[in-house]
Structure formats: C-alpha cells, structure tokens
Amino acid sequence: MEKKGNLYKLNIFFLLCFLVFIDLWTKNLAVSLLSLGISKEFFIPFIDLLLLYNSGIAFGMFDNNNQLQTYGLLIIGIAIVAYILYLAINETNYKKALSFSIIAGGALGNIIDRAMQGYVTDFLHLKINNFSFFIFNMADAFITIGAILIIYFELKTNSDDVKTD
C-alpha cells in the first residue's frame, strides 16, 4: 500500500502514542502491584513477574546509576527515535512504516521512563524451568516485535522480487 499523506502520518502518530501509553501504564501497574526483587507467577508459564530497575542499557549492561550516563543514554535514545520516525514517515511500504512506529513507540516508552526516574522499570521475567533469560518490559517487547516485523516484511519483499524475475 502506498503512502497516503496525512492519514498515513496520523496512523503512525496514534500507534506511537498508544504503545507509549500501554508501556507506561503497565510499568506503573507493575510498580504498584509488585515488590522489588520478589518474583510472582504469571499466567504464561515461561514468564514470571519480577520488578527491577535498570539504569543501564539492554540486559543491564552499564547499570551503575550514573547521572551523566543517564543523560547520555537519553540523548542517544532521542536521536535514535527521531531517526526511526524519519524512516517510518518516509517508508513507502505501510506495513514497514507501522513496524518502525512499533519500534519507536517502545523506545520512546523507555526514554520517558528513564527521563522521569533515571532508570527503566522492567517486570517481565522470561525463564524456562530454572534458566533465566532476561527481564524486560512492554517497551522492549514492542521494539523486538517491530524489528521482527521489519525483517519479515523485508524478506517477504525480497522473496517477491525474486519470484517476479
């Protein structure tokens, strides 16, 4: 589907706002219902609820609660979101544009969380049996889903191009 001007951009904006709202709402819910560091079972068998605060980046790297680092991560995050939104607005494939918006919505949720608190609230603990994979939040899930969708649509587009040759 080709770009449809203002309606196209409006869909991107509304999706972005909706995802940021869902992310911040679930983080607030987790903070109000969970105790820091105490795991609770969730209805999905391989996910527990475990409230943690991450002042670092992915997988807790550089988690040293340094204010200069927080500002640096905010500046880098804002620049990345701006670039992703630029890609979304200029993408001619509507599905890819929405996928970029999903990534931007997740990233913006974490940026807002970090800007307001100095850290990101994580509360979903992915584990199988006694093996812990990582702890994340809805923003992280949106970023991952958006990236998977972009890869899927890119592979599908390239696959369709090969078939028509």
N, C-alpha and C. Protein backbone atom coordinates (compact mmCIF):
# COMPACT_ATOMS: atom_id res chain seq x y z
N MET A 1 0.85 -1.18 0.00
CA MET A 1 0.00 0.00 0.00
C MET A 1 0.89 1.24 0.00
N GLU A 2 0.58 2.18 -0.85
CA GLU A 2 1.37 3.39 -0.96
C GLU A 2 1.03 4.37 0.16
N LYS A 3 1.94 5.29 0.36
CA LYS A 3 1.79 6.32 1.37
C LYS A 3 0.56 7.18 1.06
N LYS A 4 -0.24 7.51 2.09
CA LYS A 4 -1.45 8.29 1.91
C LYS A 4 -1.39 9.64 2.61
N GLY A 5 -0.25 10.28 2.65
CA GLY A 5 -0.11 11.63 3.19
C GLY A 5 -0.40 11.74 4.66
N ASN A 6 -1.30 12.67 5.02
CA ASN A 6 -1.57 12.99 6.42
C ASN A 6 -2.19 11.82 7.17
N LEU A 7 -3.06 11.05 6.54
CA LEU A 7 -3.66 9.89 7.22
C LEU A 7 -2.59 8.87 7.58
N TYR A 8 -1.65 8.69 6.70
CA TYR A 8 -0.51 7.80 6.92
C TYR A 8 0.27 8.23 8.16
N LYS A 9 0.59 9.51 8.23
CA LYS A 9 1.34 10.06 9.36
C LYS A 9 0.51 10.03 10.64
N LEU A 10 -0.80 10.24 10.51
CA LEU A 10 -1.68 10.20 11.67
C LEU A 10 -1.74 8.79 12.26
N ASN A 11 -1.79 7.77 11.43
CA ASN A 11 -1.77 6.38 11.91
C ASN A 11 -0.48 6.09 12.66
N ILE A 12 0.63 6.56 12.12
CA ILE A 12 1.92 6.38 12.78
C ILE A 12 1.91 7.06 14.15
N PHE A 13 1.40 8.28 14.20
CA PHE A 13 1.34 9.04 15.44
C PHE A 13 0.45 8.35 16.48
N PHE A 14 -0.74 7.92 16.08
CA PHE A 14 -1.65 7.27 17.02
C PHE A 14 -1.10 5.94 17.53
N LEU A 15 -0.49 5.17 16.65
CA LEU A 15 0.11 3.91 17.07
C LEU A 15 1.23 4.19 18.08
N LEU A 16 2.06 5.16 17.79
CA LEU A 16 3.15 5.54 18.68
C LEU A 16 2.60 5.93 20.06
N CYS A 17 1.60 6.79 20.09
CA CYS A 17 1.01 7.23 21.36
C CYS A 17 0.38 6.07 22.12
N PHE A 18 -0.32 5.20 21.42
CA PHE A 18 -0.96 4.05 22.06
C PHE A 18 0.07 3.14 22.71
N LEU A 19 1.15 2.85 22.00
CA LEU A 19 2.18 1.96 22.54
C LEU A 19 2.90 2.58 23.73
N VAL A 20 3.17 3.88 23.67
CA VAL A 20 3.80 4.56 24.80
C VAL A 20 2.87 4.49 26.01
N PHE A 21 1.57 4.73 25.79
CA PHE A 21 0.60 4.66 26.88
C PHE A 21 0.58 3.26 27.50
N ILE A 22 0.50 2.22 26.68
CA ILE A 22 0.47 0.84 27.18
C ILE A 22 1.73 0.54 27.98
N ASP A 23 2.87 0.95 27.47
CA ASP A 23 4.14 0.71 28.17
C ASP A 23 4.16 1.39 29.52
N LEU A 24 3.88 2.68 29.55
CA LEU A 24 3.95 3.42 30.82
C LEU A 24 2.88 2.94 31.80
N TRP A 25 1.70 2.60 31.30
CA TRP A 25 0.62 2.09 32.16
C TRP A 25 1.02 0.76 32.80
N THR A 26 1.59 -0.16 32.00
CA THR A 26 1.98 -1.46 32.57
C THR A 26 3.14 -1.32 33.55
N LYS A 27 4.06 -0.40 33.28
CA LYS A 27 5.15 -0.16 34.24
C LYS A 27 4.60 0.38 35.55
N ASN A 28 3.67 1.32 35.47
CA ASN A 28 3.06 1.88 36.67
C ASN A 28 2.28 0.81 37.43
N LEU A 29 1.58 -0.04 36.71
CA LEU A 29 0.85 -1.15 37.32
C LEU A 29 1.81 -2.09 38.03
N ALA A 30 2.91 -2.41 37.39
CA ALA A 30 3.91 -3.30 38.00
C ALA A 30 4.46 -2.70 39.28
N VAL A 31 4.78 -1.41 39.25
CA VAL A 31 5.33 -0.75 40.44
C VAL A 31 4.31 -0.76 41.58
N SER A 32 3.04 -0.59 41.25
CA SER A 32 2.03 -0.53 42.31
C SER A 32 1.63 -1.91 42.84
N LEU A 33 1.81 -2.97 42.04
CA LEU A 33 1.35 -4.29 42.45
C LEU A 33 2.46 -5.25 42.87
N LEU A 34 3.69 -4.97 42.48
CA LEU A 34 4.79 -5.89 42.75
C LEU A 34 5.76 -5.31 43.77
N SER A 35 6.46 -6.19 44.45
CA SER A 35 7.53 -5.79 45.37
C SER A 35 8.87 -5.97 44.66
N LEU A 36 9.74 -5.01 44.84
CA LEU A 36 11.04 -5.03 44.19
C LEU A 36 11.79 -6.33 44.49
N GLY A 37 12.18 -7.04 43.42
CA GLY A 37 13.00 -8.23 43.55
C GLY A 37 12.27 -9.50 43.96
N ILE A 38 10.96 -9.44 44.14
CA ILE A 38 10.18 -10.61 44.54
C ILE A 38 9.42 -11.14 43.33
N SER A 39 9.69 -12.38 42.96
CA SER A 39 9.07 -13.00 41.79
C SER A 39 7.67 -13.51 42.10
N LYS A 40 6.75 -13.28 41.15
CA LYS A 40 5.39 -13.81 41.24
C LYS A 40 5.07 -14.54 39.95
N GLU A 41 4.32 -15.62 40.07
CA GLU A 41 3.92 -16.36 38.87
C GLU A 41 2.96 -15.53 38.04
N PHE A 42 3.04 -15.73 36.75
CA PHE A 42 2.18 -15.07 35.78
C PHE A 42 1.39 -16.15 35.07
N PHE A 43 0.32 -15.82 34.38
CA PHE A 43 -0.50 -16.85 33.74
C PHE A 43 0.19 -17.50 32.54
N ILE A 44 1.25 -16.90 32.03
CA ILE A 44 2.04 -17.52 30.96
C ILE A 44 3.13 -18.33 31.64
N PRO A 45 3.23 -19.63 31.35
CA PRO A 45 4.12 -20.50 32.13
C PRO A 45 5.60 -20.13 32.11
N PHE A 46 6.09 -19.49 31.07
CA PHE A 46 7.52 -19.20 30.98
C PHE A 46 7.84 -17.74 31.29
N ILE A 47 6.87 -17.01 31.83
CA ILE A 47 7.10 -15.62 32.23
C ILE A 47 6.62 -15.45 33.67
N ASP A 48 7.49 -14.90 34.50
CA ASP A 48 7.14 -14.50 35.86
C ASP A 48 7.13 -12.98 35.92
N LEU A 49 6.51 -12.45 36.95
CA LEU A 49 6.55 -11.01 37.19
C LEU A 49 7.64 -10.75 38.22
N LEU A 50 8.59 -9.92 37.87
CA LEU A 50 9.72 -9.63 38.75
C LEU A 50 10.13 -8.17 38.53
N LEU A 51 9.83 -7.34 39.50
CA LEU A 51 10.09 -5.91 39.39
C LEU A 51 11.56 -5.60 39.66
N LEU A 52 12.20 -4.95 38.67
CA LEU A 52 13.59 -4.49 38.81
C LEU A 52 13.72 -3.15 38.12
N TYR A 53 14.72 -2.39 38.53
CA TYR A 53 15.01 -1.09 37.91
C TYR A 53 16.36 -1.17 37.23
N ASN A 54 16.41 -0.77 35.97
CA ASN A 54 17.62 -0.89 35.16
C ASN A 54 18.10 0.50 34.77
N SER A 55 19.19 0.94 35.33
CA SER A 55 19.74 2.25 34.96
C SER A 55 20.72 2.13 33.79
N GLY A 56 20.98 0.89 33.35
CA GLY A 56 21.89 0.68 32.23
C GLY A 56 21.16 0.56 30.92
N ILE A 57 21.71 -0.24 30.03
CA ILE A 57 21.09 -0.47 28.73
C ILE A 57 20.65 -1.93 28.67
N ALA A 58 20.49 -2.47 27.49
CA ALA A 58 19.98 -3.82 27.30
C ALA A 58 20.69 -4.84 28.19
N PHE A 59 19.91 -5.72 28.77
CA PHE A 59 20.40 -6.80 29.63
C PHE A 59 21.16 -6.29 30.85
N GLY A 60 20.88 -5.04 31.26
CA GLY A 60 21.51 -4.48 32.46
C GLY A 60 22.96 -4.06 32.28
N MET A 61 23.46 -4.03 31.05
CA MET A 61 24.85 -3.60 30.83
C MET A 61 25.00 -2.14 31.25
N PHE A 62 26.12 -1.81 31.83
CA PHE A 62 26.45 -0.46 32.29
C PHE A 62 25.46 0.06 33.33
N ASP A 63 24.93 -0.84 34.14
CA ASP A 63 23.94 -0.48 35.16
C ASP A 63 24.66 0.02 36.41
N ASN A 64 25.12 1.29 36.35
CA ASN A 64 25.85 1.82 37.50
C ASN A 64 25.21 3.10 38.06
N ASN A 65 24.00 3.43 37.58
CA ASN A 65 23.21 4.54 38.10
C ASN A 65 23.98 5.85 38.12
N ASN A 66 24.65 6.16 37.02
CA ASN A 66 25.45 7.36 36.87
C ASN A 66 24.61 8.41 36.14
N GLN A 67 24.49 9.63 36.69
CA GLN A 67 23.63 10.66 36.11
C GLN A 67 24.12 11.10 34.73
N LEU A 68 25.41 11.21 34.55
CA LEU A 68 25.97 11.58 33.25
C LEU A 68 25.62 10.51 32.21
N GLN A 69 25.71 9.24 32.62
CA GLN A 69 25.34 8.14 31.74
C GLN A 69 23.86 8.22 31.38
N THR A 70 23.02 8.54 32.35
CA THR A 70 21.58 8.66 32.11
C THR A 70 21.31 9.72 31.04
N TYR A 71 21.94 10.89 31.16
CA TYR A 71 21.76 11.95 30.17
C TYR A 71 22.27 11.52 28.80
N GLY A 72 23.40 10.86 28.78
CA GLY A 72 23.94 10.36 27.52
C GLY A 72 23.01 9.37 26.85
N LEU A 73 22.47 8.44 27.64
CA LEU A 73 21.53 7.46 27.09
C LEU A 73 20.26 8.13 26.59
N LEU A 74 19.81 9.17 27.28
CA LEU A 74 18.62 9.90 26.84
C LEU A 74 18.87 10.60 25.50
N ILE A 75 20.01 11.24 25.36
CA ILE A 75 20.33 11.94 24.12
C ILE A 75 20.45 10.95 22.96
N ILE A 76 21.15 9.86 23.19
CA ILE A 76 21.29 8.84 22.16
C ILE A 76 19.93 8.24 21.81
N GLY A 77 19.13 7.95 22.82
CA GLY A 77 17.79 7.38 22.60
C GLY A 77 16.90 8.31 21.80
N ILE A 78 16.91 9.59 22.13
CA ILE A 78 16.09 10.56 21.40
C ILE A 78 16.53 10.65 19.95
N ALA A 79 17.83 10.65 19.72
CA ALA A 79 18.35 10.69 18.34
C ALA A 79 17.91 9.45 17.56
N ILE A 80 17.98 8.30 18.19
CA ILE A 80 17.58 7.05 17.52
C ILE A 80 16.08 7.06 17.21
N VAL A 81 15.26 7.50 18.17
CA VAL A 81 13.81 7.56 17.93
C VAL A 81 13.50 8.54 16.80
N ALA A 82 14.17 9.69 16.79
CA ALA A 82 13.95 10.66 15.72
C ALA A 82 14.27 10.04 14.35
N TYR A 83 15.37 9.30 14.28
CA TYR A 83 15.75 8.65 13.02
C TYR A 83 14.74 7.57 12.63
N ILE A 84 14.30 6.79 13.58
CA ILE A 84 13.32 5.73 13.29
C ILE A 84 12.00 6.34 12.83
N LEU A 85 11.59 7.44 13.45
CA LEU A 85 10.36 8.12 13.00
C LEU A 85 10.54 8.70 11.60
N TYR A 86 11.72 9.20 11.31
CA TYR A 86 12.02 9.68 9.96
C TYR A 86 11.86 8.52 8.96
N LEU A 87 12.40 7.36 9.32
CA LEU A 87 12.26 6.18 8.45
C LEU A 87 10.78 5.81 8.29
N ALA A 88 10.02 5.85 9.38
CA ALA A 88 8.61 5.49 9.34
C ALA A 88 7.83 6.43 8.42
N ILE A 89 8.06 7.71 8.57
CA ILE A 89 7.32 8.71 7.79
C ILE A 89 7.68 8.62 6.31
N ASN A 90 8.91 8.27 6.00
CA ASN A 90 9.35 8.23 4.61
C ASN A 90 9.27 6.85 3.96
N GLU A 91 8.87 5.86 4.73
CA GLU A 91 8.73 4.50 4.20
C GLU A 91 7.49 4.41 3.32
N THR A 92 7.64 3.88 2.11
CA THR A 92 6.51 3.77 1.20
C THR A 92 5.67 2.51 1.47
N ASN A 93 6.26 1.53 2.11
CA ASN A 93 5.52 0.32 2.47
C ASN A 93 4.85 0.56 3.82
N TYR A 94 3.52 0.60 3.82
CA TYR A 94 2.75 0.93 5.01
C TYR A 94 3.03 -0.02 6.17
N LYS A 95 3.16 -1.31 5.89
CA LYS A 95 3.42 -2.29 6.95
C LYS A 95 4.79 -2.06 7.58
N LYS A 96 5.78 -1.76 6.77
CA LYS A 96 7.11 -1.46 7.31
C LYS A 96 7.08 -0.17 8.13
N ALA A 97 6.33 0.81 7.65
CA ALA A 97 6.22 2.08 8.38
C ALA A 97 5.61 1.86 9.76
N LEU A 98 4.57 1.05 9.82
CA LEU A 98 3.96 0.74 11.12
C LEU A 98 4.92 -0.05 12.00
N SER A 99 5.72 -0.90 11.40
CA SER A 99 6.73 -1.65 12.15
C SER A 99 7.78 -0.72 12.75
N PHE A 100 8.21 0.27 11.98
CA PHE A 100 9.13 1.28 12.51
C PHE A 100 8.47 2.04 13.66
N SER A 101 7.17 2.31 13.53
CA SER A 101 6.43 3.01 14.59
C SER A 101 6.37 2.19 15.87
N ILE A 102 6.24 0.88 15.73
CA ILE A 102 6.22 0.00 16.90
C ILE A 102 7.56 0.09 17.63
N ILE A 103 8.65 0.08 16.88
CA ILE A 103 9.97 0.22 17.49
C ILE A 103 10.09 1.58 18.18
N ALA A 104 9.69 2.63 17.49
CA ALA A 104 9.78 3.98 18.06
C ALA A 104 8.92 4.12 19.31
N GLY A 105 7.73 3.52 19.31
CA GLY A 105 6.86 3.57 20.48
C GLY A 105 7.50 2.90 21.69
N GLY A 106 8.12 1.76 21.47
CA GLY A 106 8.81 1.07 22.56
C GLY A 106 9.99 1.88 23.06
N ALA A 107 10.78 2.38 22.14
CA ALA A 107 11.96 3.16 22.54
C ALA A 107 11.55 4.43 23.28
N LEU A 108 10.49 5.08 22.81
CA LEU A 108 10.03 6.30 23.46
C LEU A 108 9.50 6.01 24.87
N GLY A 109 8.84 4.87 25.05
CA GLY A 109 8.38 4.49 26.39
C GLY A 109 9.54 4.36 27.36
N ASN A 110 10.61 3.73 26.93
CA ASN A 110 11.79 3.59 27.79
C ASN A 110 12.49 4.93 28.01
N ILE A 111 12.50 5.78 27.00
CA ILE A 111 13.12 7.10 27.15
C ILE A 111 12.36 7.93 28.18
N ILE A 112 11.04 7.91 28.11
CA ILE A 112 10.23 8.66 29.06
C ILE A 112 10.46 8.12 30.47
N ASP A 113 10.48 6.80 30.61
CA ASP A 113 10.72 6.18 31.91
C ASP A 113 12.08 6.62 32.47
N ARG A 114 13.11 6.57 31.64
CA ARG A 114 14.47 6.95 32.06
C ARG A 114 14.54 8.44 32.39
N ALA A 115 13.88 9.27 31.59
CA ALA A 115 13.91 10.72 31.82
C ALA A 115 13.22 11.08 33.14
N MET A 116 12.13 10.40 33.45
CA MET A 116 11.37 10.72 34.66
C MET A 116 12.00 10.14 35.92
N GLN A 117 12.68 8.99 35.81
CA GLN A 117 13.14 8.29 37.00
C GLN A 117 14.64 8.05 37.06
N GLY A 118 15.31 8.16 35.93
CA GLY A 118 16.74 7.87 35.88
C GLY A 118 17.03 6.40 35.62
N TYR A 119 16.01 5.62 35.43
CA TYR A 119 16.14 4.19 35.14
C TYR A 119 14.90 3.72 34.40
N VAL A 120 14.96 2.49 33.91
CA VAL A 120 13.84 1.88 33.21
C VAL A 120 13.28 0.78 34.10
N THR A 121 11.96 0.72 34.20
CA THR A 121 11.29 -0.29 35.00
C THR A 121 11.08 -1.55 34.17
N ASP A 122 11.62 -2.66 34.63
CA ASP A 122 11.44 -3.96 34.00
C ASP A 122 10.63 -4.84 34.95
N PHE A 123 9.78 -5.71 34.38
CA PHE A 123 8.94 -6.52 35.25
C PHE A 123 8.53 -7.87 34.67
N LEU A 124 8.87 -8.15 33.45
CA LEU A 124 8.54 -9.45 32.83
C LEU A 124 9.81 -10.30 32.78
N HIS A 125 9.79 -11.42 33.46
CA HIS A 125 10.97 -12.28 33.59
C HIS A 125 10.77 -13.52 32.73
N LEU A 126 11.51 -13.61 31.64
CA LEU A 126 11.44 -14.76 30.75
C LEU A 126 12.35 -15.85 31.30
N LYS A 127 11.76 -17.02 31.57
CA LYS A 127 12.56 -18.13 32.09
C LYS A 127 11.91 -19.45 31.68
N ILE A 128 12.75 -20.45 31.58
CA ILE A 128 12.27 -21.81 31.32
C ILE A 128 12.91 -22.70 32.37
N ASN A 129 12.07 -23.37 33.12
CA ASN A 129 12.50 -24.14 34.29
C ASN A 129 13.30 -23.22 35.22
N ASN A 130 14.52 -23.53 35.50
CA ASN A 130 15.33 -22.68 36.37
C ASN A 130 16.31 -21.81 35.61
N PHE A 131 16.19 -21.78 34.28
CA PHE A 131 17.10 -20.98 33.47
C PHE A 131 16.47 -19.62 33.19
N SER A 132 17.12 -18.56 33.65
CA SER A 132 16.63 -17.20 33.48
C SER A 132 17.23 -16.60 32.22
N PHE A 133 16.38 -16.12 31.32
CA PHE A 133 16.87 -15.49 30.10
C PHE A 133 17.10 -14.00 30.33
N PHE A 134 16.07 -13.23 30.57
CA PHE A 134 16.20 -11.80 30.82
C PHE A 134 14.91 -11.26 31.39
N ILE A 135 15.00 -10.03 31.89
CA ILE A 135 13.85 -9.33 32.44
C ILE A 135 13.62 -8.10 31.57
N PHE A 136 12.39 -7.89 31.16
CA PHE A 136 12.10 -6.83 30.20
C PHE A 136 10.78 -6.16 30.53
N ASN A 137 10.33 -5.27 29.68
CA ASN A 137 9.06 -4.59 29.84
C ASN A 137 8.34 -4.56 28.50
N MET A 138 7.18 -3.94 28.46
CA MET A 138 6.40 -3.91 27.22
C MET A 138 7.13 -3.12 26.12
N ALA A 139 7.85 -2.07 26.50
CA ALA A 139 8.60 -1.30 25.51
C ALA A 139 9.62 -2.19 24.81
N ASP A 140 10.32 -2.99 25.58
CA ASP A 140 11.30 -3.92 25.00
C ASP A 140 10.60 -4.91 24.06
N ALA A 141 9.43 -5.37 24.47
CA ALA A 141 8.67 -6.30 23.63
C ALA A 141 8.26 -5.62 22.32
N PHE A 142 7.81 -4.36 22.41
CA PHE A 142 7.43 -3.63 21.19
C PHE A 142 8.63 -3.46 20.25
N ILE A 143 9.77 -3.12 20.80
CA ILE A 143 10.98 -2.96 19.98
C ILE A 143 11.31 -4.26 19.27
N THR A 144 11.24 -5.35 19.99
CA THR A 144 11.54 -6.67 19.41
C THR A 144 10.52 -7.05 18.35
N ILE A 145 9.25 -6.86 18.64
CA ILE A 145 8.19 -7.19 17.67
C ILE A 145 8.35 -6.34 16.41
N GLY A 146 8.60 -5.05 16.57
CA GLY A 146 8.79 -4.18 15.41
C GLY A 146 9.97 -4.62 14.56
N ALA A 147 11.07 -4.98 15.20
CA ALA A 147 12.26 -5.42 14.46
C ALA A 147 11.98 -6.73 13.70
N ILE A 148 11.29 -7.66 14.36
CA ILE A 148 10.95 -8.92 13.69
C ILE A 148 10.05 -8.67 12.49
N LEU A 149 9.08 -7.76 12.65
CA LEU A 149 8.18 -7.45 11.53
C LEU A 149 8.93 -6.81 10.37
N ILE A 150 9.85 -5.92 10.65
CA ILE A 150 10.63 -5.29 9.57
C ILE A 150 11.43 -6.35 8.83
N ILE A 151 12.08 -7.23 9.57
CA ILE A 151 12.84 -8.31 8.93
C ILE A 151 11.92 -9.18 8.09
N TYR A 152 10.76 -9.53 8.64
CA TYR A 152 9.80 -10.36 7.91
C TYR A 152 9.36 -9.68 6.62
N PHE A 153 8.94 -8.41 6.71
CA PHE A 153 8.46 -7.70 5.53
C PHE A 153 9.58 -7.49 4.52
N GLU A 154 10.79 -7.28 4.99
CA GLU A 154 11.92 -7.12 4.08
C GLU A 154 12.21 -8.44 3.34
N LEU A 155 12.22 -9.53 4.08
CA LEU A 155 12.45 -10.83 3.45
C LEU A 155 11.32 -11.17 2.49
N LYS A 156 10.10 -10.86 2.87
CA LYS A 156 8.93 -11.13 2.01
C LYS A 156 9.02 -10.30 0.74
N THR A 157 9.40 -9.04 0.87
CA THR A 157 9.55 -8.16 -0.30
C THR A 157 10.64 -8.68 -1.21
N ASN A 158 11.79 -9.06 -0.63
CA ASN A 158 12.89 -9.59 -1.44
C ASN A 158 12.51 -10.91 -2.07
N SER A 159 11.74 -11.73 -1.36
CA SER A 159 11.29 -13.00 -1.90
C SER A 159 10.33 -12.78 -3.09
N ASP A 160 9.45 -11.80 -2.95
CA ASP A 160 8.52 -11.48 -4.03
C ASP A 160 9.26 -10.95 -5.25
N ASP A 161 10.34 -10.17 -5.01
CA ASP A 161 11.14 -9.64 -6.11
C ASP A 161 11.82 -10.76 -6.88
N VAL A 162 12.30 -11.76 -6.18
CA VAL A 162 12.99 -12.88 -6.82
C VAL A 162 12.00 -13.68 -7.67
N LYS A 163 10.79 -13.89 -7.17
CA LYS A 163 9.78 -14.66 -7.90
C LYS A 163 9.36 -14.00 -9.20
N THR A 164 9.37 -12.66 -9.25
CA THR A 164 8.91 -11.96 -10.43
C THR A 164 9.99 -11.85 -11.51
N ASP A 165 11.23 -12.17 -11.18
CA ASP A 165 12.32 -12.06 -12.17
C ASP A 165 12.26 -13.15 -13.20
